[in-house]
Amino acid sequence: MIALGLRFAKMANHFLRLIKTEFPRMLHRLTVLCCAAVLLIAGAAVTPARSDDVVNAIAIASGLVVLESLFVDTPDHDEPDFVAVEGGAFDPVRAEKESAYFDAEYRSGMFIWKLKPFGGIAGTTNGSFWGYAGVRLDTYWWDRRIIVTPSFALVGYDRGNGKNLGSPPLLGRSGFDFQYRFDDDSRIGIGFHHMSNGKALGQTLNPGTELVGITYSVPVKLLIDTIAKW
């Protein structure tokens, strides 16, 4: 009986210590995520006349997550390379030239500080096409099950029959992925990104657009092994 009581006391002490050490950190992380989510939603809800607010919202939200990444669990060694696919709505916020889009992406596991390079190609049902390359920052939350990833990329855009995003068609793409990680390291989630030229190269037209879609990524090795089994 005494041994059982001591065991329960030890468990209770461990539980209280866990609450004391982990709860403030969990609450802090939740606050940062909520702030980032509010900024993104507020940015997405603006009218076309205030399109720069979307960029500002993403920039501020990204800044919050980057700062938080100094304290949350971020990888400190190379990880597997990933292949990702994404599909969703092109221009759903401004609704000027809506269409569906599809995206294929390669995500390197190599680190440059905490950043990882990536690149991809994408197209819409209106015949628009673009290629891009940039860097991502994976931040892990809640026992590494939730991954919040801000990213930035340079984009070469071909309008096709889709939306005119200015000329020369060199754009910046910024945004977030929110993903859940499975035991085999594959991941599924939601992506929200903004593309615009910012008139950085003297463009006179800068309408910008958003991409909202479902994203799924899988380690390259797992994909190869799965295909081999077929």
Protein backbone atom coordinates (compact mmCIF):
# COMPACT_ATOMS: atom_id res chain seq x y z
CA MET A 1 0.00 0.00 0.00
CA ILE A 2 2.81 2.39 0.87
CA ALA A 3 4.58 1.57 -2.40
CA LEU A 4 1.37 2.23 -4.34
CA GLY A 5 0.91 5.54 -2.56
CA LEU A 6 4.47 6.55 -3.35
CA ARG A 7 3.94 5.66 -7.01
CA PHE A 8 0.81 7.81 -7.23
CA ALA A 9 2.60 10.64 -5.47
CA LYS A 10 5.44 10.40 -7.97
CA MET A 11 2.99 10.43 -10.89
CA ALA A 12 1.15 13.43 -9.43
CA ASN A 13 4.43 15.28 -8.93
CA HIS A 14 5.48 14.54 -12.51
CA PHE A 15 2.09 15.73 -13.81
CA LEU A 16 2.26 18.96 -11.83
CA ARG A 17 5.82 19.59 -13.02
CA LEU A 18 4.73 18.98 -16.61
CA ILE A 19 1.89 21.49 -16.28
CA LYS A 20 4.21 24.02 -14.68
CA THR A 21 6.89 23.74 -17.38
CA GLU A 22 4.84 23.04 -20.52
CA PHE A 23 1.58 24.96 -20.10
CA PRO A 24 3.08 28.47 -20.31
CA ARG A 25 5.01 27.48 -23.44
CA MET A 26 1.94 25.86 -25.03
CA LEU A 27 -0.16 28.93 -24.22
CA HIS A 28 2.53 31.18 -25.68
CA ARG A 29 2.67 29.14 -28.90
CA LEU A 30 -1.11 29.11 -29.19
CA THR A 31 -1.19 32.89 -28.78
CA VAL A 32 1.37 33.35 -31.56
CA LEU A 33 -0.54 31.02 -33.89
CA CYS A 34 -3.83 32.79 -33.15
CA CYS A 35 -2.26 36.18 -33.86
CA ALA A 36 -0.83 34.90 -37.14
CA ALA A 37 -4.19 33.38 -38.12
CA VAL A 38 -6.07 36.60 -37.32
CA LEU A 39 -3.63 38.64 -39.42
CA LEU A 40 -3.97 36.26 -42.36
CA ILE A 41 -7.79 36.23 -42.18
CA ALA A 42 -7.89 40.01 -41.88
CA GLY A 43 -5.55 40.36 -44.85
CA ALA A 44 -7.59 37.97 -46.97
CA ALA A 45 -10.80 39.84 -46.19
CA VAL A 46 -9.68 43.21 -47.54
CA THR A 47 -11.06 44.71 -50.73
CA PRO A 48 -9.02 44.87 -53.95
CA ALA A 49 -8.48 48.59 -53.39
CA ARG A 50 -6.45 47.70 -50.32
CA SER A 51 -4.60 44.75 -51.82
CA ASP A 52 -1.31 45.73 -50.16
CA ASP A 53 -2.89 44.83 -46.81
CA VAL A 54 -2.68 41.17 -47.80
CA VAL A 55 1.08 41.49 -48.25
CA ASN A 56 1.40 43.36 -44.96
CA ALA A 57 -0.67 40.76 -43.10
CA ILE A 58 1.42 37.89 -44.45
CA ALA A 59 4.64 39.75 -43.68
CA ILE A 60 3.63 40.46 -40.08
CA ALA A 61 2.30 36.94 -39.51
CA SER A 62 5.48 35.48 -41.00
CA GLY A 63 7.53 37.70 -38.73
CA LEU A 64 5.68 36.39 -35.68
CA VAL A 65 6.30 32.78 -36.68
CA VAL A 66 9.96 33.46 -37.54
CA LEU A 67 10.51 35.04 -34.14
CA GLU A 68 8.69 32.17 -32.45
CA SER A 69 10.86 29.70 -34.38
CA LEU A 70 13.77 30.81 -32.21
CA PHE A 71 11.98 29.17 -29.27
CA VAL A 72 9.84 26.34 -30.70
CA ASP A 73 11.05 22.99 -32.01
CA THR A 74 12.76 23.56 -35.35
CA PRO A 75 15.01 21.00 -37.08
CA ASP A 76 18.75 21.45 -36.63
CA HIS A 77 19.88 18.84 -39.17
CA ASP A 78 19.07 17.86 -42.71
CA GLU A 79 15.70 16.17 -43.21
CA PRO A 80 14.27 14.03 -46.03
CA ASP A 81 13.49 15.64 -49.37
CA PHE A 82 9.76 15.91 -50.06
CA VAL A 83 7.52 15.94 -53.11
CA ALA A 84 4.31 17.91 -52.66
CA VAL A 85 1.14 18.38 -54.69
CA GLU A 86 -1.50 21.02 -54.18
CA GLY A 87 -4.83 21.93 -55.69
CA GLY A 88 -7.34 24.65 -55.00
CA ALA A 89 -8.74 28.04 -55.96
CA PHE A 90 -6.85 30.74 -57.88
CA ASP A 91 -7.91 34.34 -57.13
CA PRO A 92 -10.70 33.43 -54.65
CA VAL A 93 -10.29 36.63 -52.62
CA ARG A 94 -10.50 39.25 -55.38
CA ALA A 95 -12.65 37.04 -57.63
CA GLU A 96 -11.58 38.90 -60.78
CA LYS A 97 -10.36 35.89 -62.77
CA GLU A 98 -11.19 32.81 -60.72
CA SER A 99 -10.08 29.34 -61.74
CA ALA A 100 -8.73 26.11 -60.29
CA TYR A 101 -4.99 25.61 -59.97
CA PHE A 102 -2.69 22.62 -59.58
CA ASP A 103 0.82 22.67 -58.19
CA ALA A 104 3.77 20.25 -58.00
CA GLU A 105 6.64 21.10 -55.68
CA TYR A 106 10.04 19.72 -54.64
CA ARG A 107 11.10 20.53 -51.09
CA SER A 108 14.75 19.97 -50.26
CA GLY A 109 15.73 18.67 -46.84
CA MET A 110 18.96 20.68 -46.91
CA PHE A 111 19.25 23.55 -44.46
CA ILE A 112 20.49 27.09 -44.95
CA TRP A 113 20.40 28.21 -41.31
CA LYS A 114 16.81 27.15 -40.47
CA LEU A 115 15.57 27.70 -44.02
CA LYS A 116 15.09 25.00 -46.65
CA PRO A 117 15.07 25.63 -50.43
CA PHE A 118 12.15 24.55 -52.58
CA GLY A 119 10.83 24.97 -56.11
CA GLY A 120 7.82 24.06 -58.17
CA ILE A 121 5.58 24.51 -61.17
CA ALA A 122 1.89 25.31 -61.28
CA GLY A 123 -0.93 26.05 -63.70
CA THR A 124 -4.60 27.01 -63.81
CA THR A 125 -7.61 25.87 -65.79
CA ASN A 126 -7.45 29.25 -67.57
CA GLY A 127 -4.09 28.39 -69.09
CA SER A 128 -1.88 30.43 -66.73
CA PHE A 129 1.44 28.84 -65.85
CA TRP A 130 4.25 29.69 -63.47
CA GLY A 131 7.46 28.33 -62.03
CA TYR A 132 9.00 29.40 -58.74
CA ALA A 133 11.85 28.86 -56.30
CA GLY A 134 12.48 30.10 -52.79
CA VAL A 135 12.93 29.19 -49.13
CA ARG A 136 10.70 27.71 -46.41
CA LEU A 137 10.83 27.69 -42.61
CA ASP A 138 9.27 24.63 -40.95
CA THR A 139 8.19 25.14 -37.33
CA TYR A 140 6.93 22.16 -35.34
CA TRP A 141 4.13 22.36 -32.76
CA TRP A 142 2.35 19.99 -30.39
CA ASP A 143 4.69 17.03 -30.31
CA ARG A 144 5.82 17.73 -33.91
CA ARG A 145 2.39 16.81 -35.29
CA ILE A 146 1.47 20.29 -36.51
CA ILE A 147 3.83 22.07 -38.92
CA VAL A 148 3.42 25.77 -39.67
CA THR A 149 5.57 26.92 -42.59
CA PRO A 150 5.97 30.49 -43.86
CA SER A 151 7.69 30.72 -47.24
CA PHE A 152 8.83 33.14 -49.91
CA ALA A 153 9.65 32.49 -53.57
CA LEU A 154 10.40 34.33 -56.81
CA VAL A 155 7.94 33.52 -59.59
CA GLY A 156 8.08 33.61 -63.38
CA TYR A 157 4.48 33.92 -64.59
CA ASP A 158 2.87 33.26 -67.98
CA ARG A 159 -0.65 34.68 -68.10
CA GLY A 160 -2.14 32.45 -70.80
CA ASN A 161 -5.90 33.19 -70.76
CA GLY A 162 -5.83 33.94 -67.05
CA LYS A 163 -5.32 36.98 -64.88
CA ASN A 164 -2.91 39.74 -65.91
CA LEU A 165 -0.48 40.22 -63.02
CA GLY A 166 1.61 42.93 -64.64
CA SER A 167 4.62 43.14 -66.94
CA PRO A 168 7.41 42.13 -66.72
CA PRO A 169 5.78 39.08 -65.12
CA LEU A 170 8.29 38.53 -62.32
CA LEU A 171 6.42 38.11 -59.05
CA GLY A 172 6.95 37.41 -55.38
CA ARG A 173 5.02 34.57 -53.72
CA SER A 174 4.57 34.58 -49.94
CA GLY A 175 2.32 32.73 -47.56
CA PHE A 176 1.82 29.81 -45.21
CA ASP A 177 1.28 26.06 -45.14
CA PHE A 178 -0.52 24.54 -42.15
CA GLN A 179 0.05 20.77 -42.14
CA TYR A 180 -0.53 17.68 -40.02
CA ARG A 181 2.33 15.14 -39.92
CA PHE A 182 1.56 11.40 -40.00
CA ASP A 183 3.76 8.68 -38.48
CA ASP A 184 5.41 7.97 -41.86
CA ASP A 185 6.30 11.70 -42.12
CA SER A 186 3.83 12.37 -44.93
CA ARG A 187 1.84 15.57 -44.38
CA ILE A 188 -1.54 17.01 -45.34
CA GLY A 189 -2.88 20.49 -44.80
CA ILE A 190 -3.97 23.86 -46.18
CA GLY A 191 -1.91 26.40 -48.07
CA PHE A 192 -2.57 30.14 -48.38
CA HIS A 193 -0.30 32.21 -50.63
CA HIS A 194 -0.25 35.63 -52.25
CA MET A 195 1.45 36.51 -55.54
CA SER A 196 2.15 40.03 -56.79
CA ASN A 197 4.92 42.07 -58.38
CA GLY A 198 5.03 44.93 -55.86
CA LYS A 199 5.95 47.18 -58.81
CA ALA A 200 9.54 46.22 -57.95
CA LEU A 201 10.63 46.30 -61.62
CA GLY A 202 8.67 49.38 -62.61
CA GLN A 203 5.41 47.59 -63.41
CA THR A 204 2.41 49.90 -63.68
CA LEU A 205 -0.12 47.16 -62.96
CA ASN A 206 -0.07 45.19 -59.69
CA PRO A 207 -3.45 43.56 -59.02
CA GLY A 208 -2.04 40.58 -57.13
CA THR A 209 -3.81 37.29 -56.51
CA GLU A 210 -4.24 34.61 -53.86
CA LEU A 211 -3.98 30.83 -53.89
CA VAL A 212 -5.93 28.72 -51.39
CA GLY A 213 -5.61 24.96 -51.62
CA ILE A 214 -5.16 21.52 -50.08
CA THR A 215 -1.56 20.35 -49.97
CA TYR A 216 -0.11 16.87 -49.50
CA SER A 217 3.60 16.10 -49.22
CA VAL A 218 5.48 12.82 -48.94
CA PRO A 219 9.17 12.00 -48.40
CA VAL A 220 10.88 11.14 -51.70
CA LYS A 221 12.26 7.88 -50.29
CA LEU A 222 8.82 6.80 -49.08
CA LEU A 223 7.34 7.61 -52.49
CA ILE A 224 10.04 5.60 -54.29
CA ASP A 225 9.59 2.63 -51.93
CA THR A 226 5.82 2.72 -52.41
CA ILE A 227 6.12 2.80 -56.19
CA ALA A 228 8.63 -0.05 -56.10
CA LYS A 229 6.14 -2.22 -54.18
CA TRP A 230 3.55 -1.77 -56.91
